[in-house]
Amino acid sequence: MRPPTEEHAAGSSAPFIVGVGASAGGLEAFTELLSHLPDDTGMAFVLIQHLDPSHESHLTELLSRASKMPVSEVKGDTRAKANHVYVIPPRCNLGISDGVLQTPPRPDRGRNMPVDSFLRALAADRGSKAVGVVLSGTASDGTLGLQAIKAAGGITFAQEMGTAKFDGMPGSAIGAGAADFVLPPDRKSTRLNSSHA
C-alpha cells in the first residue's frame, strides 16, 4: 500500500484533525483541554476514550459544558468539520477515510486499542495535517498511533506525567520518543492553536 500523496493527505479544503486519546482519568484531562480552546481554531477534534461497552456514554453531555465548540457523538459516517468536537460512541472504535469518520464495531476478542487504531488511520488519511494527543490513562494505547503520526509528518503531544491522574499512556508515549511536545492540558490548547498557524 502506497503512502498518501501530499495532495491527498493535506488537501487544502480539509481541516487539521486532532485525535485525542485517553483512558482512566481522561474526562478531567479532556475537560481541561477543551475549556482552554477557543471556538475558532480551524481544527476538528476527535476524542477517543476507553469506554465500558456495557454502559451508555455521557461524555458528549459532560464535555459540551466545557467546550465553546459543538460536541457530538459520532453516529455512522460523519465528515469531520473544523471547529467541532467528535466523541467515540460506546461499543465502537473510530476510523477515518478521506476526512470522513467511521464507526467500525469494537472487536469481540483480543485487546482493544482504540487510540492506536484511530491515530494510525488518521496518520494514513491526513499525513502532515494529523495531530495526535495522548492524555491520562493506564497501559500503552496511543504510543504506536503517535509514532505513525510523527512518521507521516504530523505533530504529537503527550500529557505531562505529573498532571495526569494515570500516567501509563502518556509515560509510554514519552518513553518511546513519540511525543513532540510534553505539556499539561491547559498549555496544550495554546500550543495546538499555534501549531498550524
Foldseek 3Di string as FASTA:
>chain_A
DDFDDLCQQAPPVAAQEEEEEEEPQVLVQLLLLQLQAAQQLSYEYEYEYDDDLVDWDCSQVSSVVRHPAREEEDDAWAAGGGSYYYYHGRQWAWADASRIIGTHGQDPDDDTQRQLRHLLRSCRRNQQSYEYEYAAYAAARNQNSLQSNVVSNHAYEYEAQVQHPHRHHSVNNVVVVSHPYYYRSNVVNVCSSPVVD
